[in-house]
N, C-alpha and C. Protein backbone atom coordinates (compact mmCIF):
# COMPACT_ATOMS: atom_id res chain seq x y z
N UNK A 1 0.95 22.54 -3.58
CA UNK A 1 -0.28 22.33 -3.02
C UNK A 1 -0.91 20.95 -3.37
N UNK A 2 -1.53 20.55 -2.36
CA UNK A 2 -2.15 19.13 -2.41
C UNK A 2 -3.67 19.25 -2.47
N UNK A 3 -4.28 18.49 -3.31
CA UNK A 3 -5.80 18.52 -3.46
C UNK A 3 -6.45 17.64 -2.37
N UNK A 4 -7.41 18.06 -1.90
CA UNK A 4 -8.20 17.32 -0.84
C UNK A 4 -9.67 17.43 -1.08
N UNK A 5 -10.49 16.47 -0.78
CA UNK A 5 -11.81 16.42 -0.79
C UNK A 5 -12.34 16.42 0.79
N UNK A 6 -13.24 17.44 1.03
CA UNK A 6 -13.67 17.61 2.33
C UNK A 6 -15.21 17.19 2.18
N UNK A 7 -15.60 16.24 3.16
CA UNK A 7 -17.03 15.78 3.18
C UNK A 7 -17.58 16.36 4.57
N UNK A 8 -18.38 17.37 4.51
CA UNK A 8 -19.03 17.88 5.76
C UNK A 8 -20.23 17.55 6.06
N UNK A 9 -20.54 17.23 7.35
CA UNK A 9 -21.74 16.99 7.98
C UNK A 9 -22.07 18.13 8.81
N UNK A 10 -23.27 18.82 8.61
CA UNK A 10 -23.60 20.11 9.38
C UNK A 10 -24.35 19.61 10.53
N UNK A 11 -24.00 20.23 11.74
CA UNK A 11 -24.75 19.84 12.80
C UNK A 11 -26.19 20.54 12.96
N UNK A 12 -27.07 20.32 13.68
CA UNK A 12 -28.35 20.92 13.91
C UNK A 12 -28.01 22.55 14.18
N UNK A 13 -26.95 22.80 14.98
CA UNK A 13 -26.65 24.17 15.22
C UNK A 13 -26.23 24.89 13.84
N UNK A 14 -25.34 24.18 13.17
CA UNK A 14 -24.86 24.64 11.91
C UNK A 14 -25.92 24.78 10.82
N UNK A 15 -26.92 24.00 10.85
CA UNK A 15 -28.03 24.18 9.78
C UNK A 15 -28.75 25.31 10.27
N UNK A 16 -29.12 25.61 11.59
CA UNK A 16 -29.74 26.74 11.94
C UNK A 16 -28.94 28.00 11.47
N UNK A 17 -27.75 28.08 11.79
CA UNK A 17 -26.97 29.19 11.34
C UNK A 17 -27.20 29.43 9.80
N UNK A 18 -27.21 28.52 8.98
CA UNK A 18 -27.14 28.53 7.57
C UNK A 18 -28.51 29.02 7.22
N UNK A 19 -29.61 28.46 7.91
CA UNK A 19 -30.95 28.95 7.62
C UNK A 19 -31.24 30.38 7.85
N UNK A 20 -30.48 30.97 8.83
CA UNK A 20 -30.74 32.47 9.15
C UNK A 20 -29.66 33.18 8.22
N UNK A 21 -28.46 32.82 8.16
CA UNK A 21 -27.52 33.52 7.51
C UNK A 21 -26.72 32.72 6.38
N UNK A 22 -27.35 32.42 5.28
CA UNK A 22 -26.80 31.42 4.23
C UNK A 22 -25.56 31.96 3.65
N UNK A 23 -25.18 33.18 3.76
CA UNK A 23 -23.82 33.64 3.31
C UNK A 23 -22.79 33.07 4.26
N UNK A 24 -23.18 32.59 5.35
CA UNK A 24 -22.06 32.02 6.33
C UNK A 24 -21.23 30.89 5.58
N UNK A 25 -21.84 30.05 4.63
CA UNK A 25 -20.98 29.19 3.92
C UNK A 25 -19.85 29.81 3.19
N UNK A 26 -19.96 30.86 2.51
CA UNK A 26 -18.96 31.70 1.94
C UNK A 26 -18.07 32.26 2.82
N UNK A 27 -18.42 32.60 4.07
CA UNK A 27 -17.47 33.11 5.03
C UNK A 27 -16.48 31.91 5.50
N UNK A 28 -17.10 30.75 5.55
CA UNK A 28 -16.36 29.64 5.93
C UNK A 28 -15.15 29.41 4.77
N UNK A 29 -15.62 29.62 3.44
CA UNK A 29 -14.54 29.30 2.50
C UNK A 29 -13.55 30.40 2.54
N UNK A 30 -13.86 31.64 2.89
CA UNK A 30 -12.79 32.77 3.17
C UNK A 30 -11.96 32.33 4.36
N UNK A 31 -12.52 31.69 5.40
CA UNK A 31 -11.67 31.31 6.46
C UNK A 31 -10.78 30.28 6.06
N UNK A 32 -11.14 29.36 5.17
CA UNK A 32 -10.26 28.37 4.72
C UNK A 32 -9.06 28.91 4.00
N UNK A 33 -9.33 29.98 3.35
CA UNK A 33 -8.25 30.78 2.59
C UNK A 33 -7.34 31.37 3.64
N UNK A 34 -7.92 32.05 4.59
CA UNK A 34 -7.17 32.64 5.60
C UNK A 34 -6.11 31.59 6.39
N UNK A 35 -6.59 30.36 6.53
CA UNK A 35 -5.75 29.40 6.92
C UNK A 35 -4.91 28.59 6.06
N UNK A 36 -4.71 29.35 4.84
CA UNK A 36 -3.73 28.89 3.92
C UNK A 36 -4.23 27.87 2.78
N UNK A 37 -5.55 27.55 2.76
CA UNK A 37 -6.13 26.73 1.73
C UNK A 37 -6.72 27.63 0.68
N UNK A 38 -7.34 26.75 -0.30
CA UNK A 38 -8.13 27.55 -1.33
C UNK A 38 -9.24 26.55 -1.76
N UNK A 39 -10.45 26.96 -1.64
CA UNK A 39 -11.68 26.18 -2.10
C UNK A 39 -11.69 26.30 -3.66
N UNK A 40 -11.56 25.05 -4.38
CA UNK A 40 -11.77 24.84 -5.82
C UNK A 40 -12.98 24.96 -6.21
N UNK A 41 -13.87 24.01 -5.64
CA UNK A 41 -15.22 23.84 -6.01
C UNK A 41 -15.96 23.35 -4.71
N UNK A 42 -17.37 23.47 -4.67
CA UNK A 42 -18.24 22.99 -3.64
C UNK A 42 -19.59 22.64 -4.16
N UNK A 43 -20.08 21.60 -3.52
CA UNK A 43 -21.46 21.35 -3.88
C UNK A 43 -22.22 20.76 -2.52
N UNK A 44 -23.52 21.09 -2.60
CA UNK A 44 -24.35 20.54 -1.48
C UNK A 44 -24.75 19.08 -2.01
N UNK A 45 -24.74 18.13 -1.15
CA UNK A 45 -24.93 16.72 -1.61
C UNK A 45 -26.10 16.14 -0.77
N UNK A 46 -26.70 15.19 -1.18
CA UNK A 46 -27.70 14.31 -0.49
C UNK A 46 -27.06 13.01 -0.10
N UNK A 47 -27.33 12.44 1.11
CA UNK A 47 -26.90 11.29 1.57
C UNK A 47 -26.22 11.43 2.92
N UNK A 48 -25.16 10.82 3.24
CA UNK A 48 -24.51 10.79 4.52
C UNK A 48 -23.80 12.17 4.69
N UNK A 49 -23.43 12.99 3.77
CA UNK A 49 -22.94 14.27 3.83
C UNK A 49 -23.74 15.42 3.44
N UNK A 50 -23.42 16.60 3.93
CA UNK A 50 -24.17 17.65 3.40
C UNK A 50 -23.58 18.54 2.35
N UNK A 51 -22.19 18.60 2.46
CA UNK A 51 -21.45 19.34 1.48
C UNK A 51 -20.24 18.45 1.16
N UNK A 52 -19.74 18.71 -0.22
CA UNK A 52 -18.60 18.15 -0.72
C UNK A 52 -17.69 19.34 -1.29
N UNK A 53 -16.69 19.67 -0.63
CA UNK A 53 -15.72 20.57 -1.17
C UNK A 53 -14.43 20.05 -1.67
N UNK A 54 -13.95 20.56 -2.65
CA UNK A 54 -12.58 20.43 -3.18
C UNK A 54 -11.72 21.54 -2.78
N UNK A 55 -10.66 21.27 -2.21
CA UNK A 55 -9.74 22.32 -1.70
C UNK A 55 -8.33 22.11 -2.06
N UNK A 56 -7.55 22.99 -2.01
CA UNK A 56 -6.00 22.82 -2.04
C UNK A 56 -5.43 23.36 -0.73
N UNK A 57 -4.49 22.70 -0.24
CA UNK A 57 -3.85 23.00 1.05
C UNK A 57 -2.26 22.80 0.88
N UNK A 58 -1.43 23.34 1.68
CA UNK A 58 -0.12 23.09 1.57
C UNK A 58 0.35 21.60 1.97
N UNK A 59 -0.47 21.02 2.69
CA UNK A 59 -0.15 19.67 3.03
C UNK A 59 -1.09 19.07 4.15
N UNK A 60 -0.88 17.78 4.50
CA UNK A 60 -1.75 17.23 5.40
C UNK A 60 -1.85 17.90 6.76
N UNK A 61 -0.87 18.26 7.35
CA UNK A 61 -0.86 19.07 8.58
C UNK A 61 -1.74 20.46 8.45
N UNK A 62 -1.62 21.14 7.33
CA UNK A 62 -2.40 22.29 7.16
C UNK A 62 -3.97 22.02 7.05
N UNK A 63 -4.19 20.97 6.32
CA UNK A 63 -5.68 20.63 6.06
C UNK A 63 -6.24 20.08 7.34
N UNK A 64 -5.40 19.38 8.32
CA UNK A 64 -5.71 18.99 9.48
C UNK A 64 -6.08 20.09 10.46
N UNK A 65 -5.23 21.11 10.40
CA UNK A 65 -5.47 22.23 11.25
C UNK A 65 -6.68 22.91 10.80
N UNK A 66 -6.99 23.08 9.43
CA UNK A 66 -8.15 23.77 8.95
C UNK A 66 -9.43 23.12 9.50
N UNK A 67 -9.48 21.79 9.21
CA UNK A 67 -10.69 20.99 9.64
C UNK A 67 -10.91 20.95 11.25
N UNK A 68 -9.81 20.91 11.95
CA UNK A 68 -9.87 20.92 13.46
C UNK A 68 -10.39 22.24 13.86
N UNK A 69 -9.88 23.39 13.26
CA UNK A 69 -10.38 24.73 13.56
C UNK A 69 -11.87 24.84 13.26
N UNK A 70 -12.29 24.37 12.10
CA UNK A 70 -13.68 24.70 11.76
C UNK A 70 -14.60 23.64 12.65
N UNK A 71 -14.19 22.45 12.84
CA UNK A 71 -14.81 21.36 13.71
C UNK A 71 -15.04 21.89 15.18
N UNK A 72 -14.17 22.62 15.64
CA UNK A 72 -14.04 23.05 17.00
C UNK A 72 -15.37 23.94 17.33
N UNK A 73 -15.81 24.51 16.32
CA UNK A 73 -16.95 25.36 16.53
C UNK A 73 -18.29 24.87 16.92
N UNK A 74 -18.29 23.44 16.42
CA UNK A 74 -19.59 22.65 16.68
C UNK A 74 -20.49 22.72 15.55
N UNK A 75 -20.25 23.27 14.51
CA UNK A 75 -21.24 23.60 13.50
C UNK A 75 -21.10 22.38 12.22
N UNK A 76 -20.01 21.87 12.30
CA UNK A 76 -19.79 20.77 11.35
C UNK A 76 -18.67 19.72 11.58
N UNK A 77 -18.76 18.66 11.02
CA UNK A 77 -17.74 17.67 11.21
C UNK A 77 -17.23 17.26 9.77
N UNK A 78 -15.90 16.91 9.64
CA UNK A 78 -15.48 16.66 8.38
C UNK A 78 -14.78 15.29 8.24
N UNK A 79 -14.90 14.71 6.98
CA UNK A 79 -14.01 13.57 6.69
C UNK A 79 -13.21 14.17 5.55
N UNK A 80 -11.87 13.91 5.62
CA UNK A 80 -11.03 14.50 4.70
C UNK A 80 -10.34 13.32 3.71
N UNK A 81 -10.26 13.55 2.51
CA UNK A 81 -9.73 12.46 1.48
C UNK A 81 -8.61 13.46 0.80
N UNK A 82 -7.46 12.68 0.74
CA UNK A 82 -6.33 13.25 -0.18
C UNK A 82 -6.60 12.65 -1.59
N UNK A 83 -6.42 13.63 -2.49
CA UNK A 83 -6.69 13.28 -3.92
C UNK A 83 -5.21 12.86 -4.49
N UNK A 84 -5.10 11.79 -5.27
CA UNK A 84 -3.89 11.47 -5.82
C UNK A 84 -4.24 11.41 -7.46
N UNK A 85 -3.57 12.03 -8.25
CA UNK A 85 -3.66 11.97 -9.72
C UNK A 85 -3.70 10.55 -10.16
N UNK A 86 -4.68 10.02 -11.02
CA UNK A 86 -4.54 8.74 -11.62
C UNK A 86 -3.34 8.43 -12.19
N UNK A 87 -2.68 9.65 -12.97
CA UNK A 87 -1.52 9.23 -13.73
C UNK A 87 -0.23 8.92 -12.84
N UNK A 88 -0.25 9.36 -11.52
CA UNK A 88 0.70 9.20 -10.65
C UNK A 88 0.55 7.84 -9.98
N UNK A 89 -0.82 7.37 -9.88
CA UNK A 89 -0.91 6.10 -9.41
C UNK A 89 -0.52 4.93 -10.27
N UNK A 90 -0.71 5.25 -11.54
CA UNK A 90 -0.33 3.97 -12.48
C UNK A 90 0.94 4.20 -13.30
N UNK A 91 1.52 5.30 -13.02
CA UNK A 91 2.94 5.39 -13.74
C UNK A 91 3.82 4.24 -13.15
N UNK A 92 4.53 3.66 -14.22
CA UNK A 92 5.35 2.54 -13.99
C UNK A 92 4.70 1.18 -13.92
N UNK A 93 3.45 1.15 -13.91
CA UNK A 93 2.91 -0.30 -13.81
C UNK A 93 2.94 -0.97 -15.31
N UNK A 94 3.28 -2.17 -15.12
CA UNK A 94 3.33 -2.86 -16.42
C UNK A 94 1.93 -3.60 -16.57
N UNK A 95 1.25 -3.35 -17.51
CA UNK A 95 -0.04 -3.93 -17.73
C UNK A 95 0.09 -5.46 -18.11
N UNK A 96 1.23 -5.81 -18.58
CA UNK A 96 1.46 -7.34 -18.86
C UNK A 96 1.57 -8.19 -17.50
N UNK A 97 1.83 -7.55 -16.50
CA UNK A 97 2.02 -8.21 -15.26
C UNK A 97 0.83 -8.84 -14.60
């Protein structure tokens, strides 16, 4: 499983849904699991995005399918970032170079 960060921006329609039924957020997390992913952690954030979620998914195609499925409803848009362990990035680098 690969780790991803999902940065979500909620549409006005999505905000209205959350205002009326806040448990909808947890239903979306279950839908991510139904689509093959797993929500590891999640935060509401201030700034350009409304939510930051850390998820695991089988790969890029799977997370693209998840976000397309969720975005198609019109209640949110997503920016997806792939997480790479820092130990994997710096393995084999010679600090003397």
